[in-house]
Protein backbone atom coordinates (compact mmCIF):
# COMPACT_ATOMS: atom_id res chain seq x y z
CA MET A 1 112.31 85.31 87.75
CA LEU A 2 110.47 82.53 89.54
CA ARG A 3 110.05 82.86 93.30
CA PHE A 4 109.59 79.97 95.69
CA GLY A 5 107.36 79.97 98.75
CA SER A 6 108.70 79.47 102.27
CA GLU A 7 107.99 75.70 102.31
CA ILE A 8 109.99 75.08 99.13
CA GLY A 9 112.63 77.53 100.33
CA GLU A 10 113.12 75.47 103.50
CA ILE A 11 113.58 72.28 101.47
CA LEU A 12 116.06 73.98 99.16
CA ARG A 13 118.08 75.33 102.13
CA ARG A 14 118.68 71.73 103.27
CA LEU A 15 120.28 70.82 99.95
CA PRO A 16 123.95 71.30 99.06
CA ILE A 17 124.77 74.87 98.02
CA SER A 18 126.75 73.79 94.97
CA GLY A 19 127.11 70.79 92.72
CA PRO A 20 124.49 68.69 90.97
CA LEU A 21 121.34 67.77 92.86
CA PHE A 22 121.27 64.32 91.24
CA PRO A 23 124.90 63.53 90.34
CA TYR A 24 124.06 60.23 88.64
CA LEU A 25 121.75 61.95 86.15
CA ARG A 26 124.72 63.92 84.81
CA THR A 27 126.06 60.70 83.38
CA VAL A 28 122.75 59.80 81.67
CA ARG A 29 121.98 61.18 78.23
CA ALA A 30 119.18 63.75 78.31
CA GLY A 31 117.00 61.54 76.11
CA ASP A 32 117.38 58.63 78.55
CA ARG A 33 116.60 60.46 81.80
CA ALA A 34 112.87 59.77 81.59
CA THR A 35 113.59 56.05 81.11
CA VAL A 36 115.91 55.97 84.13
CA PHE A 37 113.28 57.82 86.19
CA LYS A 38 110.58 55.34 85.13
CA GLN A 39 112.84 52.40 86.02
CA ARG A 40 113.42 53.88 89.48
CA CYS A 41 109.68 54.42 89.96
CA ASP A 42 108.92 50.88 88.81
CA GLY A 43 111.50 49.55 91.26
CA LEU A 44 109.77 51.45 94.06
CA GLY A 45 106.30 50.31 92.99
CA ILE A 46 105.26 53.81 91.90
CA ASN A 47 102.97 53.80 88.87
CA GLY A 48 101.53 56.52 86.66
CA VAL A 49 104.27 59.08 87.30
CA SER A 50 106.73 60.55 84.83
CA LEU A 51 109.24 63.36 84.86
CA HIS A 52 106.62 65.38 83.04
CA SER A 53 103.95 64.69 85.69
CA TYR A 54 105.31 67.46 87.89
CA ARG A 55 104.68 70.05 85.16
CA TYR A 56 101.05 68.98 84.85
CA ALA A 57 100.58 68.95 88.62
CA TRP A 58 102.15 72.39 88.96
CA ALA A 59 99.90 73.85 86.22
CA GLU A 60 96.80 72.31 87.85
CA ARG A 61 97.81 73.56 91.29
CA ALA A 62 98.40 77.07 89.94
CA LYS A 63 94.97 77.12 88.30
CA GLN A 64 93.20 75.81 91.41
CA CYS A 65 94.60 78.52 93.66
CA GLY A 66 93.86 81.30 91.18
CA TYR A 67 97.45 82.00 90.15
CA PRO A 68 97.28 84.28 87.11
CA GLU A 69 97.41 82.18 83.96
CA ARG A 70 100.03 84.33 82.29
CA PHE A 71 102.34 83.94 85.30
CA ALA A 72 101.93 80.15 85.28
CA GLN A 73 102.43 80.08 81.52
CA GLU A 74 105.69 82.01 81.90
CA ALA A 75 106.89 79.84 84.81
CA LEU A 76 106.39 76.67 82.78
CA GLY A 77 107.83 78.14 79.59
CA HIS A 78 104.64 77.77 77.59
CA ASN A 79 104.45 80.09 74.60
CA SER A 80 100.86 79.16 73.85
CA LYS A 81 97.81 79.60 76.05
CA ALA A 82 96.35 76.49 74.42
CA VAL A 83 99.31 74.37 75.53
CA HIS A 84 99.20 75.79 79.04
CA ARG A 85 95.46 75.18 79.32
CA ALA A 86 95.96 71.58 78.19
CA TYR A 87 98.39 71.12 81.09
CA ALA A 88 95.92 72.58 83.61
CA LYS A 89 92.74 71.02 82.22
CA LYS A 90 92.23 68.53 85.07
CA ALA A 91 92.31 71.24 87.75
CA GLN A 92 89.21 71.35 89.94
CA VAL A 93 88.32 75.03 90.36
CA THR A 94 85.67 76.45 92.65
CA LEU A 95 84.67 79.89 91.47
CA PRO A 96 83.67 82.45 94.09
CA PRO A 97 80.49 84.42 93.51
CA LEU A 98 81.20 87.67 91.67
CA GLU A 99 79.85 89.65 94.64
CA GLU A 100 82.42 88.04 96.97
CA TYR A 101 85.24 88.75 94.53
CA GLU A 102 84.14 92.38 94.20
CA LYS A 103 84.00 92.71 97.99
CA ARG A 104 87.50 91.26 98.39
CA SER A 105 88.72 93.53 95.62
CA SER A 106 87.30 96.60 97.35
CA GLU A 107 88.97 95.47 100.60
CA ASN A 108 92.30 95.05 98.76
CA LYS A 109 92.30 91.31 99.54
CA VAL A 110 92.76 90.37 95.88
CA ILE A 111 96.32 90.34 94.61
CA PRO A 112 96.35 92.62 91.59
CA MET A 113 98.22 91.53 88.49
CA PRO A 114 100.84 94.11 87.57
CA LEU A 115 100.69 95.30 84.01
CA PRO A 116 103.86 95.62 81.92
CA ASN A 117 103.51 99.37 81.38
CA GLY A 118 103.05 100.08 85.09
CA ALA A 119 99.36 100.94 84.74
CA PRO A 120 97.16 99.78 87.61
CA SER A 121 95.43 96.45 87.09
CA VAL A 122 91.67 96.10 87.07
CA ALA A 123 91.74 94.66 90.61
CA ALA A 124 93.91 97.53 91.87
CA ALA A 125 91.66 100.13 90.23
CA ALA A 126 88.40 98.49 91.36
CA PRO A 127 88.14 100.20 94.78
CA ALA A 128 88.48 103.63 93.16
CA ILE A 129 85.98 102.78 90.42
CA ILE A 130 83.50 101.31 92.90
CA GLY A 131 83.89 104.41 95.10
CA GLU A 132 83.29 106.69 92.10
CA ARG A 133 80.17 104.74 91.14
CA GLN A 134 78.80 104.90 94.68
CA GLN A 135 79.50 108.61 94.88
CA THR A 136 77.91 109.24 91.46
CA ALA A 137 74.85 107.18 92.44
CA THR A 138 74.52 109.14 95.69
CA GLN A 139 74.77 112.45 93.86
CA ALA A 140 72.22 111.29 91.26
CA GLY A 141 69.82 110.43 94.07
CA ARG A 142 70.08 114.00 95.45
CA ALA A 143 69.31 115.64 92.13
């Protein structure tokens, strides 16, 4: 299941509840839709955009904000990590220092990735592990 954020949800609520979003495209063969789209873009003076551009932009956006790769891969229907990474390769990513990520993780400000078997993710387990390490280090210092 793919969930939409509130901004997209608001846009979708303004659209008709039923029926095709682009009725004309129902009459166009699937193989010709990209050509029709390009013709419309050309007529509007829009260059460098294709129907497929959105998929690349979405993959790049997901990577930039730290969306888990496997979630993005599933959302786009990519069966291969290599294909998904090719889509997201132009994303500009700023990596936080490891210390900052650890701090956020211990403050539960990192969204943990759920695991299929229900086991806690590394991010969810991190506060407990960090607490255990601190406690063990304190006890070792007393000995």
